[in-house]
Amino acid sequence: MILETLAAIALQSGQSGDFRPARQIDPYALCSCSKEPEGELVSFTGVVSDAQMTLGDDGRSAKARQATIFRVLKGAGESVPDPAKVWHVTNPAKCGVTFDYGKRYDVTAVRKSSGELETNYCVMPRAGK
């Protein structure tokens, strides 16, 4: 009886010919990159040390645009302050990016006329680009 039960479980746990893997949807499918970013491109390597979020009009939810603060390790020279505050949106459909605390990133950002640094999916270095 035990052997029959184990055999039934083994047969049921095998992959079926009808198995279809879940379809992967690209979260950046709606992102539309312009040809040239407006402003000076700056690049540096840094570690995420903090973030700055601003509250929405309701006073409870975060706005879509936030800043990640990086401890600059190399590559910026005098063009990027240490720490560097880089503004971005997080929604992939709007070409947003996210960063994890404590992780090291090669960052490419655009220096806006206001002096702020801003990045997105279109200017960030990534594998295969």
C-alpha atoms as a PDB file:
ATOM      1  CA  MET A   1       0.000   0.000   0.000  1.00  0.00           C
ATOM      2  CA  ILE A   2       2.764   2.426   0.845  1.00  0.00           C
ATOM      3  CA  LEU A   3       4.663   1.606  -2.342  1.00  0.00           C
ATOM      4  CA  GLU A   4       1.526   2.107  -4.423  1.00  0.00           C
ATOM      5  CA  THR A   5       0.931   5.505  -2.825  1.00  0.00           C
ATOM      6  CA  LEU A   6       4.534   6.598  -3.406  1.00  0.00           C
ATOM      7  CA  ALA A   7       4.334   5.438  -7.039  1.00  0.00           C
ATOM      8  CA  ALA A   8       1.100   7.431  -7.561  1.00  0.00           C
ATOM      9  CA  ILE A   9       2.683  10.546  -6.061  1.00  0.00           C
ATOM     10  CA  ALA A  10       5.789  10.150  -8.232  1.00  0.00           C
ATOM     11  CA  LEU A  11       3.689   9.807 -11.379  1.00  0.00           C
ATOM     12  CA  GLN A  12       1.581  12.855 -10.512  1.00  0.00           C
ATOM     13  CA  SER A  13       4.573  15.045  -9.691  1.00  0.00           C
ATOM     14  CA  GLY A  14       6.203  14.622 -13.112  1.00  0.00           C
ATOM     15  CA  GLN A  15       5.838  17.412 -15.702  1.00  0.00           C
ATOM     16  CA  SER A  16       2.824  17.074 -17.903  1.00  0.00           C
ATOM     17  CA  GLY A  17       2.974  17.555 -21.660  1.00  0.00           C
ATOM     18  CA  ASP A  18       0.294  20.255 -21.210  1.00  0.00           C
ATOM     19  CA  PHE A  19       2.488  22.357 -18.910  1.00  0.00           C
ATOM     20  CA  ARG A  20       2.997  25.902 -20.170  1.00  0.00           C
ATOM     21  CA  PRO A  21       5.332  28.241 -18.355  1.00  0.00           C
ATOM     22  CA  ALA A  22       3.862  31.538 -17.203  1.00  0.00           C
ATOM     23  CA  ARG A  23       4.194  34.241 -19.814  1.00  0.00           C
ATOM     24  CA  GLN A  24       6.772  36.834 -18.841  1.00  0.00           C
ATOM     25  CA  ILE A  25       5.580  40.375 -19.373  1.00  0.00           C
ATOM     26  CA  ASP A  26       8.263  43.017 -19.801  1.00  0.00           C
ATOM     27  CA  PRO A  27       7.527  45.730 -17.194  1.00  0.00           C
ATOM     28  CA  TYR A  28       9.293  48.254 -19.455  1.00  0.00           C
ATOM     29  CA  ALA A  29       7.137  47.483 -22.523  1.00  0.00           C
ATOM     30  CA  LEU A  30       5.366  50.862 -22.241  1.00  0.00           C
ATOM     31  CA  CYS A  31       8.601  52.792 -21.638  1.00  0.00           C
ATOM     32  CA  SER A  32       9.499  55.019 -24.573  1.00  0.00           C
ATOM     33  CA  CYS A  33      13.058  56.374 -24.628  1.00  0.00           C
ATOM     34  CA  SER A  34      13.909  59.583 -26.437  1.00  0.00           C
ATOM     35  CA  LYS A  35      17.011  59.608 -28.632  1.00  0.00           C
ATOM     36  CA  GLU A  36      19.111  62.067 -26.637  1.00  0.00           C
ATOM     37  CA  PRO A  37      18.633  63.034 -22.996  1.00  0.00           C
ATOM     38  CA  GLU A  38      18.427  66.765 -22.368  1.00  0.00           C
ATOM     39  CA  GLY A  39      21.399  67.879 -20.300  1.00  0.00           C
ATOM     40  CA  GLU A  40      24.942  66.801 -19.486  1.00  0.00           C
ATOM     41  CA  LEU A  41      25.492  63.073 -18.900  1.00  0.00           C
ATOM     42  CA  VAL A  42      27.528  62.191 -15.818  1.00  0.00           C
ATOM     43  CA  SER A  43      28.614  58.729 -14.689  1.00  0.00           C
ATOM     44  CA  PHE A  44      29.889  57.395 -11.384  1.00  0.00           C
ATOM     45  CA  THR A  45      29.996  54.278  -9.248  1.00  0.00           C
ATOM     46  CA  GLY A  46      28.257  54.491  -5.908  1.00  0.00           C
ATOM     47  CA  VAL A  47      26.588  52.618  -3.082  1.00  0.00           C
ATOM     48  CA  VAL A  48      23.011  53.418  -2.094  1.00  0.00           C
ATOM     49  CA  SER A  49      23.046  54.938   1.366  1.00  0.00           C
ATOM     50  CA  ASP A  50      19.659  56.645   1.685  1.00  0.00           C
ATOM     51  CA  ALA A  51      16.579  57.875  -0.147  1.00  0.00           C
ATOM     52  CA  GLN A  52      14.403  60.958  -0.168  1.00  0.00           C
ATOM     53  CA  MET A  53      10.702  60.499  -0.703  1.00  0.00           C
ATOM     54  CA  THR A  54       8.154  63.281  -0.808  1.00  0.00           C
ATOM     55  CA  LEU A  55       4.534  62.884   0.152  1.00  0.00           C
ATOM     56  CA  GLY A  56       1.704  63.224  -2.320  1.00  0.00           C
ATOM     57  CA  ASP A  57      -1.185  65.630  -2.004  1.00  0.00           C
ATOM     58  CA  ASP A  58      -3.068  63.241   0.296  1.00  0.00           C
ATOM     59  CA  GLY A  59      -0.230  63.439   2.846  1.00  0.00           C
ATOM     60  CA  ARG A  60       0.040  59.645   3.079  1.00  0.00           C
ATOM     61  CA  SER A  61       1.286  58.236  -0.201  1.00  0.00           C
ATOM     62  CA  ALA A  62       4.676  58.818  -1.808  1.00  0.00           C
ATOM     63  CA  LYS A  63       4.995  60.826  -5.000  1.00  0.00           C
ATOM     64  CA  ALA A  64       6.106  58.953  -8.104  1.00  0.00           C
ATOM     65  CA  ARG A  65       9.388  60.915  -8.257  1.00  0.00           C
ATOM     66  CA  GLN A  66      11.902  60.302  -5.504  1.00  0.00           C
ATOM     67  CA  ALA A  67      15.640  60.591  -4.951  1.00  0.00           C
ATOM     68  CA  THR A  68      18.200  57.931  -4.146  1.00  0.00           C
ATOM     69  CA  ILE A  69      21.318  59.065  -2.328  1.00  0.00           C
ATOM     70  CA  PHE A  70      24.599  57.424  -3.275  1.00  0.00           C
ATOM     71  CA  ARG A  71      27.945  57.386  -1.498  1.00  0.00           C
ATOM     72  CA  VAL A  72      30.233  58.016  -4.477  1.00  0.00           C
ATOM     73  CA  LEU A  73      33.084  55.506  -4.808  1.00  0.00           C
ATOM     74  CA  LYS A  74      34.707  56.492  -8.100  1.00  0.00           C
ATOM     75  CA  GLY A  75      34.382  58.065 -11.491  1.00  0.00           C
ATOM     76  CA  ALA A  76      32.660  61.332 -10.719  1.00  0.00           C
ATOM     77  CA  GLY A  77      35.562  63.687 -10.261  1.00  0.00           C
ATOM     78  CA  GLU A  78      34.395  67.155  -9.364  1.00  0.00           C
ATOM     79  CA  SER A  79      31.230  66.907 -11.470  1.00  0.00           C
ATOM     80  CA  VAL A  80      29.257  64.872  -8.913  1.00  0.00           C
ATOM     81  CA  PRO A  81      29.055  65.710  -5.200  1.00  0.00           C
ATOM     82  CA  ASP A  82      29.569  63.052  -2.544  1.00  0.00           C
ATOM     83  CA  PRO A  83      26.961  62.052  -1.466  1.00  0.00           C
ATOM     84  CA  ALA A  84      25.076  62.315  -4.763  1.00  0.00           C
ATOM     85  CA  LYS A  85      21.304  62.748  -4.846  1.00  0.00           C
ATOM     86  CA  VAL A  86      19.825  61.257  -8.026  1.00  0.00           C
ATOM     87  CA  TRP A  87      16.143  61.832  -8.828  1.00  0.00           C
ATOM     88  CA  HIS A  88      14.054  59.202 -10.648  1.00  0.00           C
ATOM     89  CA  VAL A  89      10.587  57.707 -10.953  1.00  0.00           C
ATOM     90  CA  THR A  90      10.062  54.076  -9.978  1.00  0.00           C
ATOM     91  CA  ASN A  91       7.269  53.016 -12.352  1.00  0.00           C
ATOM     92  CA  PRO A  92       8.779  50.815 -15.136  1.00  0.00           C
ATOM     93  CA  ALA A  93       6.023  51.848 -17.574  1.00  0.00           C
ATOM     94  CA  LYS A  94       7.309  55.414 -17.235  1.00  0.00           C
ATOM     95  CA  CYS A  95      10.954  54.295 -17.640  1.00  0.00           C
ATOM     96  CA  GLY A  96      11.466  54.357 -13.878  1.00  0.00           C
ATOM     97  CA  VAL A  97      14.203  52.563 -11.976  1.00  0.00           C
ATOM     98  CA  THR A  98      14.679  51.323  -8.437  1.00  0.00           C
ATOM     99  CA  PHE A  99      17.771  50.903  -6.305  1.00  0.00           C
ATOM    100  CA  ASP A 100      18.406  48.673  -3.284  1.00  0.00           C
ATOM    101  CA  TYR A 101      20.026  49.964  -0.079  1.00  0.00           C
ATOM    102  CA  GLY A 102      23.641  48.919   0.345  1.00  0.00           C
ATOM    103  CA  LYS A 103      24.095  47.802  -3.262  1.00  0.00           C
ATOM    104  CA  ARG A 104      26.754  49.135  -5.617  1.00  0.00           C
ATOM    105  CA  TYR A 105      25.662  50.644  -8.945  1.00  0.00           C
ATOM    106  CA  ASP A 106      27.267  52.137 -12.026  1.00  0.00           C
ATOM    107  CA  VAL A 107      25.059  55.192 -12.407  1.00  0.00           C
ATOM    108  CA  THR A 108      24.561  57.369 -15.456  1.00  0.00           C
ATOM    109  CA  ALA A 109      22.465  60.442 -14.872  1.00  0.00           C
ATOM    110  CA  VAL A 110      21.589  63.676 -16.623  1.00  0.00           C
ATOM    111  CA  ARG A 111      22.477  66.975 -14.982  1.00  0.00           C
ATOM    112  CA  LYS A 112      19.423  69.190 -15.489  1.00  0.00           C
ATOM    113  CA  SER A 113      19.625  72.972 -15.880  1.00  0.00           C
ATOM    114  CA  SER A 114      18.603  73.239 -12.215  1.00  0.00           C
ATOM    115  CA  GLY A 115      21.746  71.282 -11.258  1.00  0.00           C
ATOM    116  CA  GLU A 116      19.761  68.234 -10.136  1.00  0.00           C
ATOM    117  CA  LEU A 117      20.838  64.788 -11.292  1.00  0.00           C
ATOM    118  CA  GLU A 118      18.112  62.634 -12.791  1.00  0.00           C
ATOM    119  CA  THR A 119      18.193  59.113 -14.202  1.00  0.00           C
ATOM    120  CA  ASN A 120      15.879  56.588 -15.792  1.00  0.00           C
ATOM    121  CA  TYR A 121      15.863  53.232 -17.557  1.00  0.00           C
ATOM    122  CA  CYS A 122      16.937  54.840 -20.831  1.00  0.00           C
ATOM    123  CA  VAL A 123      20.235  56.272 -19.554  1.00  0.00           C
ATOM    124  CA  MET A 124      21.237  53.709 -16.908  1.00  0.00           C
ATOM    125  CA  PRO A 125      23.902  51.207 -18.006  1.00  0.00           C
ATOM    126  CA  ARG A 126      22.629  47.644 -18.152  1.00  0.00           C
ATOM    127  CA  ALA A 127      23.694  44.279 -19.546  1.00  0.00           C
ATOM    128  CA  GLY A 128      23.172  43.872 -23.241  1.00  0.00           C
ATOM    129  CA  LYS A 129      22.742  47.576 -23.997  1.00  0.00           C
END
